[in-house]
Amino acid sequence: MLFMDRRHPSYVKHEIHQLLTQRVNQISLGYEDANDCDSLRSDSLFKLSRNELPLSGMSLASQSTMSRFENSCSRTTLYRMSQAFL
């Protein structure tokens, strides 16, 4: 595992792998800012990329959730993630 999820389990709505998948998909499609999460969280194609039902599936992570996820990574974690992508 690249990094530990330090969030309290009773408050977790989106798992780490879901957040990472959503963020990588957004970046690869040209949405480089986390503020795009709010406008894309109910987008049918993005929901399909996470194996959610397009119309009735759970919404994707919001901008605030994604910002907390991005800011929770340490330098060591970022280095490990870059090595994993390579």
C-alpha atoms as a PDB file:
ATOM      1  CA  MET A   1       0.000   0.000   0.000  1.00  0.00           C
ATOM      2  CA  LEU A   2       1.322   3.419  -0.929  1.00  0.00           C
ATOM      3  CA  PHE A   3      -0.109   5.282   2.025  1.00  0.00           C
ATOM      4  CA  MET A   4      -2.338   4.797   5.009  1.00  0.00           C
ATOM      5  CA  ASP A   5      -5.852   6.158   5.231  1.00  0.00           C
ATOM      6  CA  ARG A   6      -5.921   8.110   8.482  1.00  0.00           C
ATOM      7  CA  ARG A   7      -9.574   9.152   8.200  1.00  0.00           C
ATOM      8  CA  HIS A   8     -12.111   7.917  10.739  1.00  0.00           C
ATOM      9  CA  PRO A   9     -13.965   4.968   9.114  1.00  0.00           C
ATOM     10  CA  SER A  10     -17.420   6.176  10.142  1.00  0.00           C
ATOM     11  CA  TYR A  11     -16.941   9.406   8.157  1.00  0.00           C
ATOM     12  CA  VAL A  12     -15.508   7.853   4.989  1.00  0.00           C
ATOM     13  CA  LYS A  13     -17.815   8.057   1.981  1.00  0.00           C
ATOM     14  CA  HIS A  14     -15.202   7.567  -0.779  1.00  0.00           C
ATOM     15  CA  GLU A  15     -12.376   5.061  -0.474  1.00  0.00           C
ATOM     16  CA  ILE A  16      -8.800   6.116  -1.278  1.00  0.00           C
ATOM     17  CA  HIS A  17      -8.671   4.086  -4.493  1.00  0.00           C
ATOM     18  CA  GLN A  18     -11.901   5.764  -5.644  1.00  0.00           C
ATOM     19  CA  LEU A  19     -10.482   9.224  -4.983  1.00  0.00           C
ATOM     20  CA  LEU A  20      -7.266   8.364  -6.768  1.00  0.00           C
ATOM     21  CA  THR A  21      -9.117   6.912  -9.765  1.00  0.00           C
ATOM     22  CA  GLN A  22     -11.353   9.960 -10.010  1.00  0.00           C
ATOM     23  CA  ARG A  23      -8.414  12.358  -9.806  1.00  0.00           C
ATOM     24  CA  VAL A  24      -6.280  10.499 -12.360  1.00  0.00           C
ATOM     25  CA  ASN A  25      -9.245  10.333 -14.763  1.00  0.00           C
ATOM     26  CA  GLN A  26      -9.877  14.055 -14.394  1.00  0.00           C
ATOM     27  CA  ILE A  27      -6.244  14.981 -14.953  1.00  0.00           C
ATOM     28  CA  SER A  28      -5.943  12.692 -17.983  1.00  0.00           C
ATOM     29  CA  LEU A  29      -8.987  14.377 -19.531  1.00  0.00           C
ATOM     30  CA  GLY A  30      -7.642  17.886 -18.986  1.00  0.00           C
ATOM     31  CA  TYR A  31      -9.366  18.809 -15.723  1.00  0.00           C
ATOM     32  CA  GLU A  32      -6.235  19.736 -13.828  1.00  0.00           C
ATOM     33  CA  ASP A  33      -7.834  21.621 -10.920  1.00  0.00           C
ATOM     34  CA  ALA A  34      -9.648  19.976  -8.033  1.00  0.00           C
ATOM     35  CA  ASN A  35     -12.354  22.651  -8.284  1.00  0.00           C
ATOM     36  CA  ASP A  36     -13.644  20.810 -11.382  1.00  0.00           C
ATOM     37  CA  CYS A  37     -14.780  17.984  -9.101  1.00  0.00           C
ATOM     38  CA  ASP A  38     -17.959  19.825  -8.157  1.00  0.00           C
ATOM     39  CA  SER A  39     -19.133  20.180 -11.738  1.00  0.00           C
ATOM     40  CA  LEU A  40     -18.111  16.608 -12.657  1.00  0.00           C
ATOM     41  CA  ARG A  41     -19.347  14.704  -9.610  1.00  0.00           C
ATOM     42  CA  SER A  42     -22.639  13.776 -11.272  1.00  0.00           C
ATOM     43  CA  ASP A  43     -21.219  13.328 -14.800  1.00  0.00           C
ATOM     44  CA  SER A  44     -22.399  10.006 -16.244  1.00  0.00           C
ATOM     45  CA  LEU A  45     -19.107   9.067 -17.924  1.00  0.00           C
ATOM     46  CA  PHE A  46     -17.062   9.759 -14.833  1.00  0.00           C
ATOM     47  CA  LYS A  47     -19.484   7.674 -12.801  1.00  0.00           C
ATOM     48  CA  LEU A  48     -19.120   4.820 -15.290  1.00  0.00           C
ATOM     49  CA  SER A  49     -15.329   5.006 -14.936  1.00  0.00           C
ATOM     50  CA  ARG A  50     -15.843   4.166 -11.237  1.00  0.00           C
ATOM     51  CA  ASN A  51     -18.344   1.382 -11.968  1.00  0.00           C
ATOM     52  CA  GLU A  52     -21.245   3.447 -10.636  1.00  0.00           C
ATOM     53  CA  LEU A  53     -24.636   3.556 -12.322  1.00  0.00           C
ATOM     54  CA  PRO A  54     -24.728   6.730 -14.453  1.00  0.00           C
ATOM     55  CA  LEU A  55     -28.138   7.981 -13.321  1.00  0.00           C
ATOM     56  CA  SER A  56     -28.721   6.435  -9.921  1.00  0.00           C
ATOM     57  CA  GLY A  57     -25.202   5.661  -8.645  1.00  0.00           C
ATOM     58  CA  MET A  58     -23.465   7.478  -5.825  1.00  0.00           C
ATOM     59  CA  SER A  59     -22.046  10.912  -6.688  1.00  0.00           C
ATOM     60  CA  LEU A  60     -18.300  11.268  -7.024  1.00  0.00           C
ATOM     61  CA  ALA A  61     -16.126  13.157  -4.560  1.00  0.00           C
ATOM     62  CA  SER A  62     -16.583  16.899  -4.186  1.00  0.00           C
ATOM     63  CA  GLN A  63     -13.906  19.559  -4.491  1.00  0.00           C
ATOM     64  CA  SER A  64     -13.441  19.802  -0.729  1.00  0.00           C
ATOM     65  CA  THR A  65     -13.030  16.034  -0.359  1.00  0.00           C
ATOM     66  CA  MET A  66     -10.524  15.935  -3.215  1.00  0.00           C
ATOM     67  CA  SER A  67      -8.564  18.884  -1.778  1.00  0.00           C
ATOM     68  CA  ARG A  68      -8.328  17.160   1.621  1.00  0.00           C
ATOM     69  CA  PHE A  69      -7.153  13.980  -0.140  1.00  0.00           C
ATOM     70  CA  GLU A  70      -4.478  15.824  -2.132  1.00  0.00           C
ATOM     71  CA  ASN A  71      -3.243  17.758   0.900  1.00  0.00           C
ATOM     72  CA  SER A  72      -3.023  14.651   3.093  1.00  0.00           C
ATOM     73  CA  CYS A  73      -0.087  13.212   1.118  1.00  0.00           C
ATOM     74  CA  SER A  74       3.416  13.588   2.506  1.00  0.00           C
ATOM     75  CA  ARG A  75       6.555  13.933   0.371  1.00  0.00           C
ATOM     76  CA  THR A  76       7.344  10.281   0.953  1.00  0.00           C
ATOM     77  CA  THR A  77       3.881   9.274  -0.207  1.00  0.00           C
ATOM     78  CA  LEU A  78       4.170  11.415  -3.326  1.00  0.00           C
ATOM     79  CA  TYR A  79       7.527   9.844  -4.129  1.00  0.00           C
ATOM     80  CA  ARG A  80       6.104   6.327  -3.699  1.00  0.00           C
ATOM     81  CA  MET A  81       3.148   7.190  -5.924  1.00  0.00           C
ATOM     82  CA  SER A  82       5.440   8.524  -8.660  1.00  0.00           C
ATOM     83  CA  GLN A  83       7.508   5.332  -8.489  1.00  0.00           C
ATOM     84  CA  ALA A  84       4.351   3.223  -8.760  1.00  0.00           C
ATOM     85  CA  PHE A  85       3.197   5.159 -11.841  1.00  0.00           C
ATOM     86  CA  LEU A  86       6.589   4.679 -13.498  1.00  0.00           C
END
